Amino acid sequence: MKVKDILKDKGLEVIAIHSDAMVDSAVKKMVERNIGAILVMEEGHCVGLFTERDVLRCWTRHNSFDKVAIKDVMSKDLLVIEPDNDLDYAMAIMTNKQIRHLPVIDEGRLVGVVSMRDVVKYHTGNLEAEVHYLKDYILGS
């Protein structure tokens, strides 16, 4: 399966916030949308990712969310994938680099985000289908 297949299933909506926004705005948006990371944008370009881990780091360093700009605490050195990458490749990156979100870039344009949750959902669905097929095969149905 390709990354683009996951994006097709989950939709192409990208949740983002401007780099000048305060951390409390990002946290509120993440809670409202039930997401673990939010893309950080400047002039239409993705410049970072603000994650749950960044929330924790921000709190321990600044003890505040309303006076700290996202750009000061976001993750900046992003790893990205492309829509035509295999999902196993994305999973390998997430596992090896211990990250849970990968922005998807197509010809220099941000088109989505794939999370570890998306990968697990895909693999769980495949395993359920395989178990069903094997049961049918064994039982001769």
N, C-alpha and C. Protein backbone atom coordinates (compact mmCIF):
# COMPACT_ATOMS: atom_id res chain seq x y z
N MET A 1 0.85 -1.18 0.00
CA MET A 1 0.00 0.00 0.00
C MET A 1 0.90 1.24 0.00
N LYS A 2 0.43 2.26 -0.64
CA LYS A 2 1.16 3.52 -0.74
C LYS A 2 0.59 4.55 0.24
N VAL A 3 1.39 5.54 0.55
CA VAL A 3 0.98 6.62 1.44
C VAL A 3 -0.26 7.31 0.88
N LYS A 4 -0.33 7.47 -0.44
CA LYS A 4 -1.48 8.16 -1.05
C LYS A 4 -2.78 7.41 -0.80
N ASP A 5 -2.72 6.08 -0.63
CA ASP A 5 -3.92 5.30 -0.34
C ASP A 5 -4.45 5.62 1.06
N ILE A 6 -3.55 5.82 1.99
CA ILE A 6 -3.94 6.21 3.35
C ILE A 6 -4.58 7.59 3.31
N LEU A 7 -3.95 8.52 2.59
CA LEU A 7 -4.49 9.88 2.51
C LEU A 7 -5.87 9.89 1.86
N LYS A 8 -6.05 9.03 0.86
CA LYS A 8 -7.35 8.95 0.19
C LYS A 8 -8.43 8.49 1.17
N ASP A 9 -8.08 7.52 2.01
CA ASP A 9 -9.03 6.99 2.99
C ASP A 9 -9.33 7.98 4.11
N LYS A 10 -8.30 8.67 4.60
CA LYS A 10 -8.50 9.56 5.75
C LYS A 10 -8.88 10.98 5.34
N GLY A 11 -8.65 11.32 4.10
CA GLY A 11 -8.95 12.68 3.63
C GLY A 11 -7.71 13.54 3.60
N LEU A 12 -7.81 14.64 2.90
CA LEU A 12 -6.64 15.49 2.70
C LEU A 12 -6.62 16.73 3.60
N GLU A 13 -7.52 16.79 4.56
CA GLU A 13 -7.53 17.96 5.43
C GLU A 13 -6.23 18.03 6.23
N VAL A 14 -5.66 19.22 6.26
CA VAL A 14 -4.42 19.46 7.00
C VAL A 14 -4.73 20.46 8.11
N ILE A 15 -4.45 20.08 9.34
CA ILE A 15 -4.65 20.96 10.48
C ILE A 15 -3.33 21.67 10.74
N ALA A 16 -3.38 22.99 10.71
CA ALA A 16 -2.14 23.76 10.83
C ALA A 16 -2.38 25.03 11.65
N ILE A 17 -1.27 25.64 12.03
CA ILE A 17 -1.29 26.88 12.80
C ILE A 17 -0.09 27.70 12.37
N HIS A 18 -0.20 29.01 12.48
CA HIS A 18 0.91 29.90 12.10
C HIS A 18 1.99 29.86 13.17
N SER A 19 3.21 30.02 12.75
CA SER A 19 4.36 29.93 13.67
C SER A 19 4.36 31.02 14.74
N ASP A 20 3.68 32.13 14.49
CA ASP A 20 3.62 33.21 15.49
C ASP A 20 2.55 32.98 16.56
N ALA A 21 1.69 32.00 16.36
CA ALA A 21 0.63 31.72 17.33
C ALA A 21 1.24 31.26 18.65
N MET A 22 0.50 31.47 19.72
CA MET A 22 0.95 31.04 21.03
C MET A 22 0.63 29.55 21.23
N VAL A 23 1.40 28.92 22.07
CA VAL A 23 1.25 27.49 22.32
C VAL A 23 -0.16 27.14 22.78
N ASP A 24 -0.77 28.00 23.61
CA ASP A 24 -2.11 27.67 24.10
C ASP A 24 -3.11 27.51 22.95
N SER A 25 -2.97 28.28 21.89
CA SER A 25 -3.85 28.15 20.72
C SER A 25 -3.67 26.79 20.04
N ALA A 26 -2.43 26.37 19.92
CA ALA A 26 -2.15 25.08 19.30
C ALA A 26 -2.69 23.94 20.15
N VAL A 27 -2.49 24.03 21.45
CA VAL A 27 -2.97 22.98 22.35
C VAL A 27 -4.49 22.88 22.28
N LYS A 28 -5.17 24.01 22.28
CA LYS A 28 -6.64 24.00 22.17
C LYS A 28 -7.09 23.35 20.87
N LYS A 29 -6.43 23.70 19.78
CA LYS A 29 -6.79 23.13 18.48
C LYS A 29 -6.53 21.62 18.44
N MET A 30 -5.44 21.19 19.04
CA MET A 30 -5.12 19.77 19.08
C MET A 30 -6.15 19.00 19.90
N VAL A 31 -6.57 19.58 21.03
CA VAL A 31 -7.57 18.93 21.87
C VAL A 31 -8.91 18.88 21.15
N GLU A 32 -9.32 19.99 20.54
CA GLU A 32 -10.59 20.03 19.81
C GLU A 32 -10.65 18.99 18.70
N ARG A 33 -9.54 18.80 18.01
CA ARG A 33 -9.51 17.89 16.86
C ARG A 33 -9.05 16.48 17.23
N ASN A 34 -8.68 16.28 18.49
CA ASN A 34 -8.21 14.99 18.98
C ASN A 34 -7.02 14.48 18.16
N ILE A 35 -6.03 15.36 18.00
CA ILE A 35 -4.82 15.02 17.25
C ILE A 35 -3.60 15.19 18.14
N GLY A 36 -2.54 14.49 17.80
CA GLY A 36 -1.32 14.54 18.61
C GLY A 36 -0.26 15.46 18.07
N ALA A 37 -0.52 16.09 16.92
CA ALA A 37 0.46 17.00 16.33
C ALA A 37 -0.26 17.95 15.39
N ILE A 38 0.33 19.11 15.23
CA ILE A 38 -0.24 20.12 14.33
C ILE A 38 0.91 20.72 13.52
N LEU A 39 0.66 20.89 12.23
CA LEU A 39 1.68 21.47 11.37
C LEU A 39 1.81 22.97 11.63
N VAL A 40 3.02 23.47 11.50
CA VAL A 40 3.30 24.88 11.72
C VAL A 40 3.68 25.50 10.38
N MET A 41 2.95 26.57 10.02
CA MET A 41 3.10 27.15 8.70
C MET A 41 3.60 28.59 8.77
N GLU A 42 4.31 29.00 7.71
CA GLU A 42 4.72 30.39 7.47
C GLU A 42 4.62 30.62 5.97
N GLU A 43 3.86 31.62 5.57
CA GLU A 43 3.73 31.99 4.17
C GLU A 43 3.41 30.80 3.28
N GLY A 44 2.51 29.93 3.74
CA GLY A 44 2.07 28.80 2.95
C GLY A 44 3.01 27.61 2.94
N HIS A 45 4.09 27.68 3.70
CA HIS A 45 5.05 26.58 3.73
C HIS A 45 5.12 25.98 5.13
N CYS A 46 5.28 24.67 5.17
CA CYS A 46 5.42 23.97 6.44
C CYS A 46 6.83 24.20 6.97
N VAL A 47 6.92 24.77 8.17
CA VAL A 47 8.23 25.07 8.76
C VAL A 47 8.50 24.26 10.01
N GLY A 48 7.49 23.52 10.46
CA GLY A 48 7.69 22.72 11.66
C GLY A 48 6.47 21.90 11.99
N LEU A 49 6.59 21.17 13.08
CA LEU A 49 5.52 20.34 13.59
C LEU A 49 5.51 20.53 15.10
N PHE A 50 4.34 20.75 15.65
CA PHE A 50 4.20 20.91 17.10
C PHE A 50 3.47 19.68 17.61
N THR A 51 4.13 18.91 18.47
CA THR A 51 3.61 17.63 18.92
C THR A 51 3.32 17.62 20.41
N GLU A 52 2.70 16.54 20.84
CA GLU A 52 2.44 16.38 22.28
C GLU A 52 3.74 16.41 23.08
N ARG A 53 4.79 15.87 22.53
CA ARG A 53 6.10 15.93 23.22
C ARG A 53 6.57 17.37 23.36
N ASP A 54 6.32 18.17 22.32
CA ASP A 54 6.69 19.59 22.39
C ASP A 54 5.90 20.31 23.47
N VAL A 55 4.63 19.91 23.65
CA VAL A 55 3.81 20.49 24.72
C VAL A 55 4.48 20.25 26.06
N LEU A 56 4.91 19.02 26.29
CA LEU A 56 5.55 18.67 27.56
C LEU A 56 6.86 19.42 27.74
N ARG A 57 7.66 19.49 26.69
CA ARG A 57 8.93 20.23 26.79
C ARG A 57 8.67 21.71 27.08
N CYS A 58 7.67 22.26 26.44
CA CYS A 58 7.33 23.67 26.64
C CYS A 58 6.95 23.91 28.11
N TRP A 59 6.12 23.04 28.64
CA TRP A 59 5.67 23.23 30.03
C TRP A 59 6.83 23.13 31.02
N THR A 60 7.72 22.17 30.79
CA THR A 60 8.83 22.01 31.74
C THR A 60 9.85 23.14 31.63
N ARG A 61 9.99 23.73 30.47
CA ARG A 61 10.96 24.82 30.29
C ARG A 61 10.37 26.19 30.62
N HIS A 62 9.11 26.41 30.28
CA HIS A 62 8.53 27.76 30.39
C HIS A 62 7.41 27.86 31.42
N ASN A 63 6.84 26.73 31.82
CA ASN A 63 5.73 26.71 32.77
C ASN A 63 4.59 27.63 32.33
N SER A 64 4.43 27.74 31.01
CA SER A 64 3.40 28.62 30.46
C SER A 64 3.09 28.21 29.03
N PHE A 65 1.86 28.45 28.62
CA PHE A 65 1.48 28.20 27.23
C PHE A 65 1.03 29.48 26.53
N ASP A 66 0.62 30.49 27.29
CA ASP A 66 0.02 31.67 26.67
C ASP A 66 1.03 32.76 26.32
N LYS A 67 2.29 32.58 26.70
CA LYS A 67 3.31 33.59 26.41
C LYS A 67 4.45 33.05 25.56
N VAL A 68 4.27 31.84 25.05
CA VAL A 68 5.33 31.19 24.27
C VAL A 68 4.83 30.96 22.85
N ALA A 69 5.59 31.44 21.88
CA ALA A 69 5.23 31.25 20.46
C ALA A 69 5.59 29.84 20.02
N ILE A 70 4.75 29.30 19.15
CA ILE A 70 4.98 27.95 18.61
C ILE A 70 6.37 27.84 18.01
N LYS A 71 6.80 28.86 17.27
CA LYS A 71 8.09 28.78 16.58
C LYS A 71 9.26 28.59 17.53
N ASP A 72 9.08 28.92 18.80
CA ASP A 72 10.15 28.79 19.78
C ASP A 72 10.24 27.39 20.39
N VAL A 73 9.22 26.57 20.19
CA VAL A 73 9.22 25.25 20.84
C VAL A 73 8.85 24.11 19.89
N MET A 74 8.60 24.39 18.62
CA MET A 74 8.20 23.36 17.67
C MET A 74 9.39 22.50 17.26
N SER A 75 9.09 21.34 16.71
CA SER A 75 10.11 20.48 16.11
C SER A 75 10.37 21.03 14.70
N LYS A 76 11.64 21.30 14.41
CA LYS A 76 11.96 22.00 13.16
C LYS A 76 12.56 21.11 12.08
N ASP A 77 13.36 20.16 12.42
CA ASP A 77 14.01 19.32 11.41
C ASP A 77 13.09 18.17 11.04
N LEU A 78 12.18 18.47 10.12
CA LEU A 78 11.15 17.50 9.77
C LEU A 78 11.64 16.46 8.76
N LEU A 79 11.23 15.25 9.01
CA LEU A 79 11.35 14.20 8.01
C LEU A 79 10.02 14.18 7.28
N VAL A 80 10.06 14.04 5.97
CA VAL A 80 8.82 14.03 5.17
C VAL A 80 8.82 12.81 4.27
N ILE A 81 7.62 12.48 3.80
CA ILE A 81 7.46 11.40 2.84
C ILE A 81 6.65 11.92 1.66
N GLU A 82 6.59 11.10 0.63
CA GLU A 82 5.86 11.45 -0.58
C GLU A 82 4.68 10.50 -0.75
N PRO A 83 3.65 10.93 -1.47
CA PRO A 83 2.47 10.08 -1.65
C PRO A 83 2.76 8.71 -2.25
N ASP A 84 3.77 8.60 -3.11
CA ASP A 84 4.08 7.32 -3.76
C ASP A 84 4.99 6.42 -2.94
N ASN A 85 5.40 6.87 -1.75
CA ASN A 85 6.21 6.01 -0.88
C ASN A 85 5.34 4.86 -0.36
N ASP A 86 5.98 3.72 -0.17
CA ASP A 86 5.28 2.58 0.44
C ASP A 86 5.00 2.88 1.90
N LEU A 87 3.89 2.36 2.38
CA LEU A 87 3.53 2.56 3.78
C LEU A 87 4.56 1.91 4.71
N ASP A 88 5.15 0.81 4.28
CA ASP A 88 6.18 0.16 5.08
C ASP A 88 7.40 1.07 5.25
N TYR A 89 7.71 1.85 4.23
CA TYR A 89 8.80 2.82 4.32
C TYR A 89 8.48 3.88 5.37
N ALA A 90 7.26 4.40 5.34
CA ALA A 90 6.84 5.39 6.34
C ALA A 90 6.92 4.81 7.74
N MET A 91 6.46 3.56 7.88
CA MET A 91 6.49 2.90 9.18
C MET A 91 7.93 2.72 9.66
N ALA A 92 8.82 2.38 8.77
CA ALA A 92 10.24 2.21 9.14
C ALA A 92 10.84 3.52 9.62
N ILE A 93 10.52 4.62 8.95
CA ILE A 93 11.01 5.92 9.39
C ILE A 93 10.49 6.25 10.78
N MET A 94 9.19 6.08 10.97
CA MET A 94 8.59 6.39 12.28
C MET A 94 9.21 5.54 13.39
N THR A 95 9.40 4.28 13.11
CA THR A 95 9.96 3.37 14.12
C THR A 95 11.42 3.70 14.41
N ASN A 96 12.22 3.86 13.37
CA ASN A 96 13.65 4.11 13.55
C ASN A 96 13.94 5.47 14.18
N LYS A 97 13.16 6.47 13.83
CA LYS A 97 13.40 7.83 14.34
C LYS A 97 12.55 8.15 15.57
N GLN A 98 11.72 7.19 16.00
CA GLN A 98 10.85 7.35 17.16
C GLN A 98 9.97 8.60 17.06
N ILE A 99 9.29 8.70 15.91
CA ILE A 99 8.35 9.79 15.69
C ILE A 99 7.00 9.20 15.32
N ARG A 100 5.94 9.98 15.48
CA ARG A 100 4.60 9.45 15.23
C ARG A 100 3.86 10.16 14.11
N HIS A 101 4.47 11.17 13.51
CA HIS A 101 3.79 11.92 12.44
C HIS A 101 4.79 12.28 11.34
N LEU A 102 4.34 12.10 10.10
CA LEU A 102 5.16 12.46 8.95
C LEU A 102 4.35 13.31 7.99
N PRO A 103 4.79 14.55 7.74
CA PRO A 103 4.14 15.35 6.70
C PRO A 103 4.36 14.69 5.33
N VAL A 104 3.36 14.81 4.49
CA VAL A 104 3.42 14.24 3.14
C VAL A 104 3.53 15.41 2.16
N ILE A 105 4.62 15.41 1.38
CA ILE A 105 4.90 16.48 0.44
C ILE A 105 4.84 15.93 -0.98
N ASP A 106 4.08 16.60 -1.85
CA ASP A 106 3.97 16.20 -3.25
C ASP A 106 4.39 17.37 -4.11
N GLU A 107 5.52 17.23 -4.81
CA GLU A 107 6.06 18.28 -5.67
C GLU A 107 6.18 19.61 -4.93
N GLY A 108 6.72 19.53 -3.72
CA GLY A 108 6.97 20.73 -2.93
C GLY A 108 5.76 21.27 -2.18
N ARG A 109 4.60 20.61 -2.32
CA ARG A 109 3.37 21.09 -1.69
C ARG A 109 2.92 20.10 -0.62
N LEU A 110 2.55 20.63 0.52
CA LEU A 110 2.05 19.82 1.62
C LEU A 110 0.67 19.28 1.26
N VAL A 111 0.49 17.96 1.33
CA VAL A 111 -0.80 17.37 0.97
C VAL A 111 -1.45 16.59 2.11
N GLY A 112 -0.74 16.41 3.21
CA GLY A 112 -1.32 15.68 4.33
C GLY A 112 -0.30 15.28 5.36
N VAL A 113 -0.77 14.51 6.33
CA VAL A 113 0.07 13.98 7.40
C VAL A 113 -0.34 12.53 7.62
N VAL A 114 0.65 11.67 7.75
CA VAL A 114 0.40 10.28 8.10
C VAL A 114 0.90 10.07 9.52
N SER A 115 0.05 9.48 10.34
CA SER A 115 0.43 9.23 11.74
C SER A 115 0.62 7.74 11.97
N MET A 116 1.25 7.42 13.08
CA MET A 116 1.42 6.03 13.45
C MET A 116 0.05 5.37 13.61
N ARG A 117 -0.94 6.12 14.08
CA ARG A 117 -2.31 5.60 14.20
C ARG A 117 -2.84 5.16 12.84
N ASP A 118 -2.57 5.95 11.79
CA ASP A 118 -3.00 5.58 10.44
C ASP A 118 -2.36 4.27 10.00
N VAL A 119 -1.07 4.11 10.29
CA VAL A 119 -0.34 2.90 9.91
C VAL A 119 -0.89 1.69 10.65
N VAL A 120 -1.13 1.84 11.95
CA VAL A 120 -1.66 0.74 12.75
C VAL A 120 -3.06 0.35 12.26
N LYS A 121 -3.87 1.35 11.95
CA LYS A 121 -5.23 1.09 11.44
C LYS A 121 -5.17 0.27 10.15
N TYR A 122 -4.27 0.64 9.26
CA TYR A 122 -4.11 -0.09 8.01
C TYR A 122 -3.69 -1.54 8.28
N HIS A 123 -2.67 -1.73 9.11
CA HIS A 123 -2.18 -3.08 9.37
C HIS A 123 -3.22 -3.93 10.10
N THR A 124 -3.96 -3.34 11.02
CA THR A 124 -5.01 -4.06 11.72
C THR A 124 -6.08 -4.54 10.73
N GLY A 125 -6.48 -3.66 9.82
CA GLY A 125 -7.46 -4.04 8.80
C GLY A 125 -6.96 -5.18 7.94
N ASN A 126 -5.70 -5.15 7.56
CA ASN A 126 -5.13 -6.23 6.75
C ASN A 126 -5.09 -7.54 7.51
N LEU A 127 -4.72 -7.49 8.78
CA LEU A 127 -4.67 -8.70 9.59
C LEU A 127 -6.06 -9.31 9.78
N GLU A 128 -7.07 -8.47 9.99
CA GLU A 128 -8.44 -8.97 10.13
C GLU A 128 -8.89 -9.66 8.85
N ALA A 129 -8.58 -9.07 7.73
CA ALA A 129 -8.95 -9.67 6.44
C ALA A 129 -8.23 -11.01 6.24
N GLU A 130 -6.96 -11.05 6.60
CA GLU A 130 -6.18 -12.27 6.44
C GLU A 130 -6.71 -13.38 7.36
N VAL A 131 -7.03 -13.06 8.59
CA VAL A 131 -7.60 -14.04 9.51
C VAL A 131 -8.92 -14.58 8.97
N HIS A 132 -9.76 -13.70 8.46
CA HIS A 132 -11.05 -14.10 7.89
C HIS A 132 -10.83 -15.06 6.71
N TYR A 133 -9.90 -14.70 5.83
CA TYR A 133 -9.60 -15.53 4.66
C TYR A 133 -9.09 -16.90 5.10
N LEU A 134 -8.17 -16.93 6.08
CA LEU A 134 -7.61 -18.20 6.53
C LEU A 134 -8.67 -19.08 7.20
N LYS A 135 -9.57 -18.47 7.97
CA LYS A 135 -10.66 -19.25 8.59
C LYS A 135 -11.53 -19.88 7.52
N ASP A 136 -11.88 -19.08 6.51
CA ASP A 136 -12.69 -19.61 5.41
C ASP A 136 -11.98 -20.75 4.70
N TYR A 137 -10.68 -20.59 4.50
CA TYR A 137 -9.89 -21.61 3.81
C TYR A 137 -9.84 -22.89 4.63
N ILE A 138 -9.56 -22.77 5.92
CA ILE A 138 -9.45 -23.94 6.80
C ILE A 138 -10.79 -24.67 6.93
N LEU A 139 -11.85 -23.90 7.07
CA LEU A 139 -13.17 -24.50 7.25
C LEU A 139 -13.81 -24.92 5.94
N GLY A 140 -13.15 -24.61 4.84
CA GLY A 140 -13.64 -25.02 3.53
C GLY A 140 -14.88 -24.26 3.06
N SER A 141 -15.05 -23.04 3.53
CA SER A 141 -16.24 -22.26 3.15
C SER A 141 -16.09 -21.64 1.80
